[in-house]
PDB file of N, CA and C in Angstrom:
ATOM      1  N   UNK A   1     -29.447 -15.937   3.700  1.00  0.00           N
ATOM      2  CA  UNK A   1     -30.448 -16.921   3.714  1.00  0.00           C
ATOM      3  C   UNK A   1     -30.033 -18.116   4.684  1.00  0.00           C
ATOM      4  N   UNK A   2     -28.628 -18.388   4.456  1.00  0.00           N
ATOM      5  CA  UNK A   2     -28.170 -19.457   5.437  1.00  0.00           C
ATOM      6  C   UNK A   2     -28.122 -21.076   4.808  1.00  0.00           C
ATOM      7  N   UNK A   3     -28.812 -20.868   3.575  1.00  0.00           N
ATOM      8  CA  UNK A   3     -28.736 -22.517   3.041  1.00  0.00           C
ATOM      9  C   UNK A   3     -27.948 -22.559   2.077  1.00  0.00           C
ATOM     10  N   UNK A   4     -27.790 -21.173   1.223  1.00  0.00           N
ATOM     11  CA  UNK A   4     -27.218 -21.116  -0.037  1.00  0.00           C
ATOM     12  C   UNK A   4     -25.338 -20.978   0.223  1.00  0.00           C
ATOM     13  N   UNK A   5     -25.015 -20.982   1.434  1.00  0.00           N
ATOM     14  CA  UNK A   5     -23.803 -20.589   1.632  1.00  0.00           C
ATOM     15  C   UNK A   5     -22.991 -19.243   1.941  1.00  0.00           C
ATOM     16  N   UNK A   6     -23.947 -18.461   1.618  1.00  0.00           N
ATOM     17  CA  UNK A   6     -23.801 -17.061   1.795  1.00  0.00           C
ATOM     18  C   UNK A   6     -24.683 -16.497   3.163  1.00  0.00           C
ATOM     19  N   UNK A   7     -23.884 -15.939   4.174  1.00  0.00           N
ATOM     20  CA  UNK A   7     -24.469 -15.630   5.403  1.00  0.00           C
ATOM     21  C   UNK A   7     -25.520 -14.466   5.280  1.00  0.00           C
ATOM     22  N   UNK A   8     -25.115 -13.819   4.158  1.00  0.00           N
ATOM     23  CA  UNK A   8     -25.805 -12.264   4.148  1.00  0.00           C
ATOM     24  C   UNK A   8     -27.088 -12.496   3.007  1.00  0.00           C
ATOM     25  N   UNK A   9     -27.225 -13.559   2.312  1.00  0.00           N
ATOM     26  CA  UNK A   9     -28.045 -13.474   1.375  1.00  0.00           C
ATOM     27  C   UNK A   9     -27.217 -13.007   0.001  1.00  0.00           C
ATOM     28  N   UNK A  10     -28.152 -12.806  -1.443  1.00  0.00           N
ATOM     29  CA  UNK A  10     -27.620 -12.631  -2.480  1.00  0.00           C
ATOM     30  C   UNK A  10     -27.015 -11.036  -2.442  1.00  0.00           C
ATOM     31  N   UNK A  11     -25.881 -10.796  -2.795  1.00  0.00           N
ATOM     32  CA  UNK A  11     -25.432  -9.597  -2.874  1.00  0.00           C
ATOM     33  C   UNK A  11     -26.135  -8.538  -4.052  1.00  0.00           C
ATOM     34  N   UNK A  12     -26.604  -9.512  -5.102  1.00  0.00           N
ATOM     35  CA  UNK A  12     -27.321  -8.855  -6.201  1.00  0.00           C
ATOM     36  C   UNK A  12     -28.583  -8.088  -5.625  1.00  0.00           C
ATOM     37  N   UNK A  13     -29.360  -8.550  -4.453  1.00  0.00           N
ATOM     38  CA  UNK A  13     -30.299  -7.820  -4.507  1.00  0.00           C
ATOM     39  C   UNK A  13     -30.358  -6.625  -3.443  1.00  0.00           C
ATOM     40  N   UNK A  14     -28.987  -6.393  -2.885  1.00  0.00           N
ATOM     41  CA  UNK A  14     -28.595  -5.056  -1.973  1.00  0.00           C
ATOM     42  C   UNK A  14     -28.297  -4.031  -3.428  1.00  0.00           C
ATOM     43  N   UNK A  15     -29.441  -3.423  -3.989  1.00  0.00           N
ATOM     44  CA  UNK A  15     -29.043  -2.312  -5.024  1.00  0.00           C
ATOM     45  C   UNK A  15     -28.758  -0.958  -4.472  1.00  0.00           C
ATOM     46  N   UNK A  16     -29.338  -0.778  -3.440  1.00  0.00           N
ATOM     47  CA  UNK A  16     -29.543   0.465  -2.648  1.00  0.00           C
ATOM     48  C   UNK A  16     -28.239   0.658  -2.066  1.00  0.00           C
ATOM     49  N   UNK A  17     -27.338  -0.026  -1.802  1.00  0.00           N
ATOM     50  CA  UNK A  17     -26.168  -0.318  -0.684  1.00  0.00           C
ATOM     51  C   UNK A  17     -25.284   0.686  -1.412  1.00  0.00           C
ATOM     52  N   UNK A  18     -24.658   1.914  -0.517  1.00  0.00           N
ATOM     53  CA  UNK A  18     -23.514   2.822  -0.945  1.00  0.00           C
ATOM     54  C   UNK A  18     -22.188   2.182  -1.683  1.00  0.00           C
ATOM     55  N   UNK A  19     -22.123   1.089  -1.295  1.00  0.00           N
ATOM     56  CA  UNK A  19     -20.859   0.153  -1.820  1.00  0.00           C
ATOM     57  C   UNK A  19     -21.277  -0.074  -3.136  1.00  0.00           C
ATOM     58  N   UNK A  20     -22.368   0.144  -3.626  1.00  0.00           N
ATOM     59  CA  UNK A  20     -22.411  -0.336  -5.110  1.00  0.00           C
ATOM     60  C   UNK A  20     -21.761   0.943  -6.010  1.00  0.00           C
ATOM     61  N   UNK A  21     -21.495   2.136  -5.360  1.00  0.00           N
ATOM     62  CA  UNK A  21     -20.996   3.023  -6.074  1.00  0.00           C
ATOM     63  C   UNK A  21     -19.399   2.875  -7.037  1.00  0.00           C
ATOM     64  N   UNK A  22     -18.875   1.869  -6.128  1.00  0.00           N
ATOM     65  CA  UNK A  22     -17.667   1.508  -6.694  1.00  0.00           C
ATOM     66  C   UNK A  22     -17.201   0.150  -7.181  1.00  0.00           C
ATOM     67  N   UNK A  23     -18.357  -0.664  -7.419  1.00  0.00           N
ATOM     68  CA  UNK A  23     -18.458  -1.991  -8.105  1.00  0.00           C
ATOM     69  C   UNK A  23     -17.808  -2.056  -9.495  1.00  0.00           C
ATOM     70  N   UNK A  24     -17.933  -1.028 -10.043  1.00  0.00           N
ATOM     71  CA  UNK A  24     -17.136  -0.864 -11.566  1.00  0.00           C
ATOM     72  C   UNK A  24     -15.963  -0.290 -11.398  1.00  0.00           C
ATOM     73  N   UNK A  25     -15.097   0.003 -10.262  1.00  0.00           N
ATOM     74  CA  UNK A  25     -14.140   0.475 -10.481  1.00  0.00           C
ATOM     75  C   UNK A  25     -12.892  -0.422 -10.932  1.00  0.00           C
ATOM     76  N   UNK A  26     -11.844   0.087 -11.494  1.00  0.00           N
ATOM     77  CA  UNK A  26     -10.677  -0.605 -11.417  1.00  0.00           C
ATOM     78  C   UNK A  26      -9.967  -1.370 -10.441  1.00  0.00           C
ATOM     79  N   UNK A  27      -9.933  -2.809 -10.239  1.00  0.00           N
ATOM     80  CA  UNK A  27      -9.279  -3.602  -9.489  1.00  0.00           C
ATOM     81  C   UNK A  27     -10.566  -4.359  -8.616  1.00  0.00           C
ATOM     82  N   UNK A  28     -11.757  -4.004  -8.989  1.00  0.00           N
ATOM     83  CA  UNK A  28     -12.745  -4.841  -8.327  1.00  0.00           C
ATOM     84  C   UNK A  28     -12.792  -6.195  -9.126  1.00  0.00           C
ATOM     85  N   UNK A  29     -12.623  -7.429  -8.255  1.00  0.00           N
ATOM     86  CA  UNK A  29     -12.423  -8.514  -8.924  1.00  0.00           C
ATOM     87  C   UNK A  29     -13.768  -9.789  -8.346  1.00  0.00           C
ATOM     88  N   UNK A  30     -14.349 -10.697  -9.343  1.00  0.00           N
ATOM     89  CA  UNK A  30     -15.263 -11.678  -8.472  1.00  0.00           C
ATOM     90  C   UNK A  30     -14.143 -12.601  -7.889  1.00  0.00           C
ATOM     91  N   UNK A  31     -14.602 -13.353  -6.979  1.00  0.00           N
ATOM     92  CA  UNK A  31     -15.997 -13.194  -6.449  1.00  0.00           C
ATOM     93  C   UNK A  31     -15.921 -12.401  -5.261  1.00  0.00           C
ATOM     94  N   UNK A  32     -15.216 -11.611  -4.638  1.00  0.00           N
ATOM     95  CA  UNK A  32     -15.246 -10.603  -3.543  1.00  0.00           C
ATOM     96  C   UNK A  32     -15.994  -9.610  -3.991  1.00  0.00           C
ATOM     97  N   UNK A  33     -15.881  -9.084  -5.238  1.00  0.00           N
ATOM     98  CA  UNK A  33     -16.246  -7.883  -5.539  1.00  0.00           C
ATOM     99  C   UNK A  33     -15.650  -6.621  -5.082  1.00  0.00           C
ATOM    100  N   UNK A  34     -16.213  -5.680  -4.743  1.00  0.00           N
ATOM    101  CA  UNK A  34     -15.841  -4.578  -4.060  1.00  0.00           C
ATOM    102  C   UNK A  34     -15.523  -4.578  -2.063  1.00  0.00           C
ATOM    103  N   UNK A  35     -14.207  -4.591  -2.100  1.00  0.00           N
ATOM    104  CA  UNK A  35     -13.975  -5.211  -0.799  1.00  0.00           C
ATOM    105  C   UNK A  35     -13.442  -4.082   0.214  1.00  0.00           C
ATOM    106  N   UNK A  36     -14.362  -3.426   1.306  1.00  0.00           N
ATOM    107  CA  UNK A  36     -13.638  -2.560   2.069  1.00  0.00           C
ATOM    108  C   UNK A  36     -13.892  -3.054   3.492  1.00  0.00           C
ATOM    109  N   UNK A  37     -13.158  -3.750   3.847  1.00  0.00           N
ATOM    110  CA  UNK A  37     -13.265  -4.423   5.354  1.00  0.00           C
ATOM    111  C   UNK A  37     -13.622  -3.065   6.607  1.00  0.00           C
ATOM    112  N   UNK A  38     -12.563  -2.401   6.384  1.00  0.00           N
ATOM    113  CA  UNK A  38     -12.481  -1.035   7.713  1.00  0.00           C
ATOM    114  C   UNK A  38     -13.795  -0.166   7.127  1.00  0.00           C
ATOM    115  N   UNK A  39     -14.353  -0.187   6.231  1.00  0.00           N
ATOM    116  CA  UNK A  39     -15.620   0.630   5.931  1.00  0.00           C
ATOM    117  C   UNK A  39     -15.210   2.131   5.604  1.00  0.00           C
ATOM    118  N   UNK A  40     -14.134   2.511   5.140  1.00  0.00           N
ATOM    119  CA  UNK A  40     -13.821   3.808   4.670  1.00  0.00           C
ATOM    120  C   UNK A  40     -14.755   4.395   3.552  1.00  0.00           C
ATOM    121  N   UNK A  41     -15.056   3.718   2.896  1.00  0.00           N
ATOM    122  CA  UNK A  41     -16.043   4.122   1.668  1.00  0.00           C
ATOM    123  C   UNK A  41     -17.298   3.626   2.086  1.00  0.00           C
ATOM    124  N   UNK A  42     -17.683   3.660   3.193  1.00  0.00           N
ATOM    125  CA  UNK A  42     -19.279   3.059   3.350  1.00  0.00           C
ATOM    126  C   UNK A  42     -20.494   4.327   3.168  1.00  0.00           C
ATOM    127  N   UNK A  43     -20.134   5.595   3.164  1.00  0.00           N
ATOM    128  CA  UNK A  43     -20.928   6.402   2.703  1.00  0.00           C
ATOM    129  C   UNK A  43     -20.913   6.725   1.005  1.00  0.00           C
ATOM    130  N   UNK A  44     -20.283   5.996   0.519  1.00  0.00           N
ATOM    131  CA  UNK A  44     -20.404   6.439  -0.999  1.00  0.00           C
ATOM    132  C   UNK A  44     -20.049   7.256  -1.741  1.00  0.00           C
ATOM    133  N   UNK A  45     -18.927   8.336  -0.715  1.00  0.00           N
ATOM    134  CA  UNK A  45     -18.541   9.610  -1.517  1.00  0.00           C
ATOM    135  C   UNK A  45     -17.518   9.226  -2.718  1.00  0.00           C
ATOM    136  N   UNK A  46     -17.735   9.490  -3.601  1.00  0.00           N
ATOM    137  CA  UNK A  46     -16.822   9.407  -4.874  1.00  0.00           C
ATOM    138  C   UNK A  46     -15.553  10.140  -4.571  1.00  0.00           C
ATOM    139  N   UNK A  47     -15.648  11.128  -3.947  1.00  0.00           N
ATOM    140  CA  UNK A  47     -14.428  12.129  -3.989  1.00  0.00           C
ATOM    141  C   UNK A  47     -13.405  11.452  -2.809  1.00  0.00           C
ATOM    142  N   UNK A  48     -14.165  11.260  -1.912  1.00  0.00           N
ATOM    143  CA  UNK A  48     -13.283  10.228  -0.830  1.00  0.00           C
ATOM    144  C   UNK A  48     -12.443   9.145  -1.200  1.00  0.00           C
ATOM    145  N   UNK A  49     -13.461   8.458  -2.087  1.00  0.00           N
ATOM    146  CA  UNK A  49     -12.813   7.444  -2.654  1.00  0.00           C
ATOM    147  C   UNK A  49     -11.620   7.749  -3.776  1.00  0.00           C
ATOM    148  N   UNK A  50     -11.501   8.676  -4.216  1.00  0.00           N
ATOM    149  CA  UNK A  50     -10.730   8.857  -5.201  1.00  0.00           C
ATOM    150  C   UNK A  50      -9.436   9.578  -4.513  1.00  0.00           C
ATOM    151  N   UNK A  51      -9.593  10.052  -3.337  1.00  0.00           N
ATOM    152  CA  UNK A  51      -8.407  10.674  -2.756  1.00  0.00           C
ATOM    153  C   UNK A  51      -7.644   9.225  -1.919  1.00  0.00           C
ATOM    154  N   UNK A  52      -8.531   8.318  -1.392  1.00  0.00           N
ATOM    155  CA  UNK A  52      -8.258   7.232  -0.971  1.00  0.00           C
ATOM    156  C   UNK A  52      -7.364   6.335  -1.570  1.00  0.00           C
ATOM    157  N   UNK A  53      -7.919   6.160  -2.864  1.00  0.00           N
ATOM    158  CA  UNK A  53      -7.101   5.374  -3.950  1.00  0.00           C
ATOM    159  C   UNK A  53      -5.872   5.903  -4.547  1.00  0.00           C
ATOM    160  N   UNK A  54      -5.845   7.687  -4.431  1.00  0.00           N
ATOM    161  CA  UNK A  54      -4.382   8.216  -4.814  1.00  0.00           C
ATOM    162  C   UNK A  54      -3.682   8.264  -3.889  1.00  0.00           C
ATOM    163  N   UNK A  55      -4.137   8.170  -2.542  1.00  0.00           N
ATOM    164  CA  UNK A  55      -3.020   8.020  -1.357  1.00  0.00           C
ATOM    165  C   UNK A  55      -2.353   6.496  -1.272  1.00  0.00           C
ATOM    166  N   UNK A  56      -3.579   5.428  -1.598  1.00  0.00           N
ATOM    167  CA  UNK A  56      -3.014   4.176  -1.409  1.00  0.00           C
ATOM    168  C   UNK A  56      -1.826   4.062  -2.724  1.00  0.00           C
ATOM    169  N   UNK A  57      -1.716   4.727  -3.517  1.00  0.00           N
ATOM    170  CA  UNK A  57      -1.038   4.548  -4.719  1.00  0.00           C
ATOM    171  C   UNK A  57       0.371   5.405  -4.412  1.00  0.00           C
ATOM    172  N   UNK A  58       0.125   6.324  -3.737  1.00  0.00           N
ATOM    173  CA  UNK A  58       1.481   7.337  -3.441  1.00  0.00           C
ATOM    174  C   UNK A  58       2.315   6.405  -2.336  1.00  0.00           C
ATOM    175  N   UNK A  59       1.428   5.874  -1.239  1.00  0.00           N
ATOM    176  CA  UNK A  59       2.155   4.820  -0.298  1.00  0.00           C
ATOM    177  C   UNK A  59       2.674   3.877  -0.950  1.00  0.00           C
ATOM    178  N   UNK A  60       2.284   2.924  -1.602  1.00  0.00           N
ATOM    179  CA  UNK A  60       2.927   1.947  -2.426  1.00  0.00           C
ATOM    180  C   UNK A  60       4.056   2.332  -3.047  1.00  0.00           C
ATOM    181  N   UNK A  61       4.095   3.447  -3.677  1.00  0.00           N
ATOM    182  CA  UNK A  61       5.374   3.785  -4.538  1.00  0.00           C
ATOM    183  C   UNK A  61       6.379   4.516  -3.482  1.00  0.00           C
ATOM    184  N   UNK A  62       6.042   5.002  -2.375  1.00  0.00           N
ATOM    185  CA  UNK A  62       7.014   5.142  -1.691  1.00  0.00           C
ATOM    186  C   UNK A  62       7.621   3.853  -0.667  1.00  0.00           C
ATOM    187  N   UNK A  63       6.574   2.992  -0.415  1.00  0.00           N
ATOM    188  CA  UNK A  63       7.278   1.324   0.128  1.00  0.00           C
ATOM    189  C   UNK A  63       7.861   0.995  -0.949  1.00  0.00           C
ATOM    190  N   UNK A  64       7.914   0.954  -2.347  1.00  0.00           N
ATOM    191  CA  UNK A  64       8.662   0.357  -3.128  1.00  0.00           C
ATOM    192  C   UNK A  64      10.333   0.904  -3.062  1.00  0.00           C
ATOM    193  N   UNK A  65      10.061   2.306  -2.941  1.00  0.00           N
ATOM    194  CA  UNK A  65      11.139   2.950  -3.355  1.00  0.00           C
ATOM    195  C   UNK A  65      12.306   2.899  -2.036  1.00  0.00           C
ATOM    196  N   UNK A  66      11.676   2.667  -0.765  1.00  0.00           N
ATOM    197  CA  UNK A  66      12.068   2.143   0.749  1.00  0.00           C
ATOM    198  C   UNK A  66      12.535   1.317   0.415  1.00  0.00           C
ATOM    199  N   UNK A  67      11.909   0.334  -0.015  1.00  0.00           N
ATOM    200  CA  UNK A  67      12.673  -1.356  -0.277  1.00  0.00           C
ATOM    201  C   UNK A  67      13.707  -1.196  -0.989  1.00  0.00           C
ATOM    202  N   UNK A  68      13.885  -0.748  -2.001  1.00  0.00           N
ATOM    203  CA  UNK A  68      14.841  -0.515  -3.336  1.00  0.00           C
ATOM    204  C   UNK A  68      16.232  -0.032  -2.395  1.00  0.00           C
ATOM    205  N   UNK A  69      15.637   1.056  -1.684  1.00  0.00           N
ATOM    206  CA  UNK A  69      16.951   1.816  -0.719  1.00  0.00           C
ATOM    207  C   UNK A  69      17.626   0.874   0.340  1.00  0.00           C
ATOM    208  N   UNK A  70      16.638   0.235   0.811  1.00  0.00           N
ATOM    209  CA  UNK A  70      17.041  -1.480   1.567  1.00  0.00           C
ATOM    210  C   UNK A  70      18.030  -2.410   1.072  1.00  0.00           C
ATOM    211  N   UNK A  71      17.654  -2.623  -0.382  1.00  0.00           N
ATOM    212  CA  UNK A  71      18.029  -3.647  -0.879  1.00  0.00           C
ATOM    213  C   UNK A  71      19.423  -3.358  -1.870  1.00  0.00           C
ATOM    214  N   UNK A  72      19.187  -2.271  -2.347  1.00  0.00           N
ATOM    215  CA  UNK A  72      20.463  -1.826  -3.564  1.00  0.00           C
ATOM    216  C   UNK A  72      21.772  -1.535  -2.739  1.00  0.00           C
ATOM    217  N   UNK A  73      22.215  -0.816  -1.626  1.00  0.00           N
ATOM    218  CA  UNK A  73      23.410  -0.936  -0.891  1.00  0.00           C
ATOM    219  C   UNK A  73      24.019  -2.639  -0.641  1.00  0.00           C
ATOM    220  N   UNK A  74      23.255  -3.523  -0.381  1.00  0.00           N
ATOM    221  CA  UNK A  74      23.655  -4.829  -0.412  1.00  0.00           C
ATOM    222  C   UNK A  74      23.733  -5.774  -1.585  1.00  0.00           C
ATOM    223  N   UNK A  75      23.059  -5.226  -2.780  1.00  0.00           N
ATOM    224  CA  UNK A  75      23.489  -5.841  -4.040  1.00  0.00           C
ATOM    225  C   UNK A  75      24.372  -5.197  -4.743  1.00  0.00           C
ATOM    226  N   UNK A  76      24.433  -3.951  -4.787  1.00  0.00           N
ATOM    227  CA  UNK A  76      25.139  -3.057  -5.674  1.00  0.00           C
ATOM    228  C   UNK A  76      26.682  -2.560  -5.152  1.00  0.00           C
ATOM    229  N   UNK A  77      26.625  -2.519  -3.844  1.00  0.00           N
ATOM    230  CA  UNK A  77      27.381  -1.766  -3.193  1.00  0.00           C
ATOM    231  C   UNK A  77      27.174  -0.351  -2.849  1.00  0.00           C
ATOM    232  N   UNK A  78      28.258   0.448  -2.477  1.00  0.00           N
ATOM    233  CA  UNK A  78      27.990   1.529  -1.647  1.00  0.00           C
ATOM    234  C   UNK A  78      28.751   2.442  -2.816  1.00  0.00           C
ATOM    235  N   UNK A  79      28.775   3.918  -2.626  1.00  0.00           N
ATOM    236  CA  UNK A  79      29.145   4.716  -3.453  1.00  0.00           C
ATOM    237  C   UNK A  79      30.863   4.882  -3.130  1.00  0.00           C
ATOM    238  N   UNK A  80      31.710   5.293  -3.800  1.00  0.00           N
ATOM    239  CA  UNK A  80      32.943   5.430  -3.191  1.00  0.00           C
ATOM    240  C   UNK A  80      33.040   6.837  -2.682  1.00  0.00           C
ATOM    241  N   UNK A  81      34.111   6.892  -1.765  1.00  0.00           N
ATOM    242  CA  UNK A  81      34.347   8.250  -1.297  1.00  0.00           C
ATOM    243  C   UNK A  81      33.665   8.335   0.164  1.00  0.00           C
ATOM    244  N   UNK A  82      33.554   9.582   0.629  1.00  0.00           N
ATOM    245  CA  UNK A  82      33.231  10.473   1.631  1.00  0.00           C
ATOM    246  C   UNK A  82      31.659  10.860   1.869  1.00  0.00           C
ATOM    247  N   UNK A  83      30.938  10.553   2.787  1.00  0.00           N
ATOM    248  CA  UNK A  83      29.983  11.311   2.614  1.00  0.00           C
ATOM    249  C   UNK A  83      29.989  12.749   3.788  1.00  0.00           C
ATOM    250  N   UNK A  84      31.051  12.487   4.507  1.00  0.00           N
ATOM    251  CA  UNK A  84      31.609  13.664   5.510  1.00  0.00           C
ATOM    252  C   UNK A  84      32.845  13.703   5.815  1.00  0.00           C
ATOM    253  N   UNK A  85      33.459  14.462   4.604  1.00  0.00           N
ATOM    254  CA  UNK A  85      34.864  14.612   4.717  1.00  0.00           C
ATOM    255  C   UNK A  85      35.865  15.209   5.902  1.00  0.00           C
ATOM    256  N   UNK A  86      34.793  16.144   6.504  1.00  0.00           N
ATOM    257  CA  UNK A  86      35.192  16.636   7.901  1.00  0.00           C
ATOM    258  C   UNK A  86      35.266  15.824   8.667  1.00  0.00           C
ATOM    259  N   UNK A  87      34.490  14.823   8.948  1.00  0.00           N
ATOM    260  CA  UNK A  87      34.791  14.054   9.638  1.00  0.00           C
ATOM    261  C   UNK A  87      35.226  12.596   9.503  1.00  0.00           C
ATOM    262  N   UNK A  88      35.473  12.610   8.355  1.00  0.00           N
ATOM    263  CA  UNK A  88      36.000  11.256   7.848  1.00  0.00           C
ATOM    264  C   UNK A  88      35.335  10.097   7.649  1.00  0.00           C
ATOM    265  N   UNK A  89      33.864  10.374   7.464  1.00  0.00           N
ATOM    266  CA  UNK A  89      33.093   9.423   7.314  1.00  0.00           C
ATOM    267  C   UNK A  89      32.845   8.794   5.766  1.00  0.00           C
ATOM    268  N   UNK A  90      33.355   7.377   5.662  1.00  0.00           N
ATOM    269  CA  UNK A  90      33.167   7.166   4.303  1.00  0.00           C
ATOM    270  C   UNK A  90      31.713   6.585   3.963  1.00  0.00           C
ATOM    271  N   UNK A  91      31.058   6.333   2.825  1.00  0.00           N
ATOM    272  CA  UNK A  91      29.827   5.591   2.708  1.00  0.00           C
ATOM    273  C   UNK A  91      29.743   4.121   3.245  1.00  0.00           C
ATOM    274  N   UNK A  92      30.944   3.460   2.705  1.00  0.00           N
ATOM    275  CA  UNK A  92      31.186   2.249   3.427  1.00  0.00           C
ATOM    276  C   UNK A  92      30.837   1.601   4.852  1.00  0.00           C
ATOM    277  N   UNK A  93      31.255   3.251   5.678  1.00  0.00           N
ATOM    278  CA  UNK A  93      31.306   2.804   7.222  1.00  0.00           C
ATOM    279  C   UNK A  93      29.651   3.067   7.667  1.00  0.00           C
ATOM    280  N   UNK A  94      28.859   3.132   6.941  1.00  0.00           N
ATOM    281  CA  UNK A  94      27.262   3.343   7.353  1.00  0.00           C
ATOM    282  C   UNK A  94      26.655   2.062   7.140  1.00  0.00           C
ATOM    283  N   UNK A  95      26.441   1.275   8.087  1.00  0.00           N
ATOM    284  CA  UNK A  95      25.389   0.026   8.059  1.00  0.00           C
ATOM    285  C   UNK A  95      24.643  -0.133   7.280  1.00  0.00           C
ATOM    286  N   UNK A  96      23.811  -1.169   6.876  1.00  0.00           N
ATOM    287  CA  UNK A  96      22.711  -1.245   5.835  1.00  0.00           C
ATOM    288  C   UNK A  96      21.437  -1.495   6.848  1.00  0.00           C
ATOM    289  N   UNK A  97      20.289  -1.092   6.595  1.00  0.00           N
ATOM    290  CA  UNK A  97      19.343  -1.498   7.235  1.00  0.00           C
ATOM    291  C   UNK A  97      18.786  -1.207   8.604  1.00  0.00           C
ATOM    292  N   UNK A  98      18.445  -2.029   9.590  1.00  0.00           N
ATOM    293  CA  UNK A  98      18.309  -1.942  10.832  1.00  0.00           C
ATOM    294  C   UNK A  98      19.218  -1.949  11.621  1.00  0.00           C
ATOM    295  N   UNK A  99      20.256  -2.479  10.840  1.00  0.00           N
ATOM    296  CA  UNK A  99      22.091  -2.126  11.907  1.00  0.00           C
ATOM    297  C   UNK A  99      22.313  -0.849  11.862  1.00  0.00           C
ATOM    298  N   UNK A 100      21.768  -0.172  10.876  1.00  0.00           N
ATOM    299  CA  UNK A 100      22.184   1.405  11.004  1.00  0.00           C
ATOM    300  C   UNK A 100      21.750   2.360  12.299  1.00  0.00           C
ATOM    301  N   UNK A 101      20.697   1.711  12.774  1.00  0.00           N
ATOM    302  CA  UNK A 101      19.937   2.215  14.003  1.00  0.00           C
ATOM    303  C   UNK A 101      20.646   1.912  15.095  1.00  0.00           C
ATOM    304  N   UNK A 102      21.564   0.603  15.267  1.00  0.00           N
ATOM    305  CA  UNK A 102      22.381   0.417  16.483  1.00  0.00           C
ATOM    306  C   UNK A 102      23.432   1.176  16.579  1.00  0.00           C
ATOM    307  N   UNK A 103      23.916   1.838  15.584  1.00  0.00           N
ATOM    308  CA  UNK A 103      25.259   2.589  15.735  1.00  0.00           C
ATOM    309  C   UNK A 103      25.370   3.813  16.210  1.00  0.00           C
TER     310      UNK A 103
END
């Protein structure tokens, strides 16, 4: 209404919105409620929402493992020995992080 501080009025009045299908899902928090700025779930399809949520969890886990793979050699050191005995390449010869791409 423009006077209450909300540009679109009271969210409680929009009871027919497809986005209401996900208001009770885990992770929905006040004051924002269900937040989907890209509109991936604007049709209210529960199966698509479940797939997107599972994909987001998987991608987050892969990202966490990648971060640990980046940090662990710096902190804990590298394996002893050679990664390629025939070429004489040792684990300690391989650079960490983005520096490995430059070699």
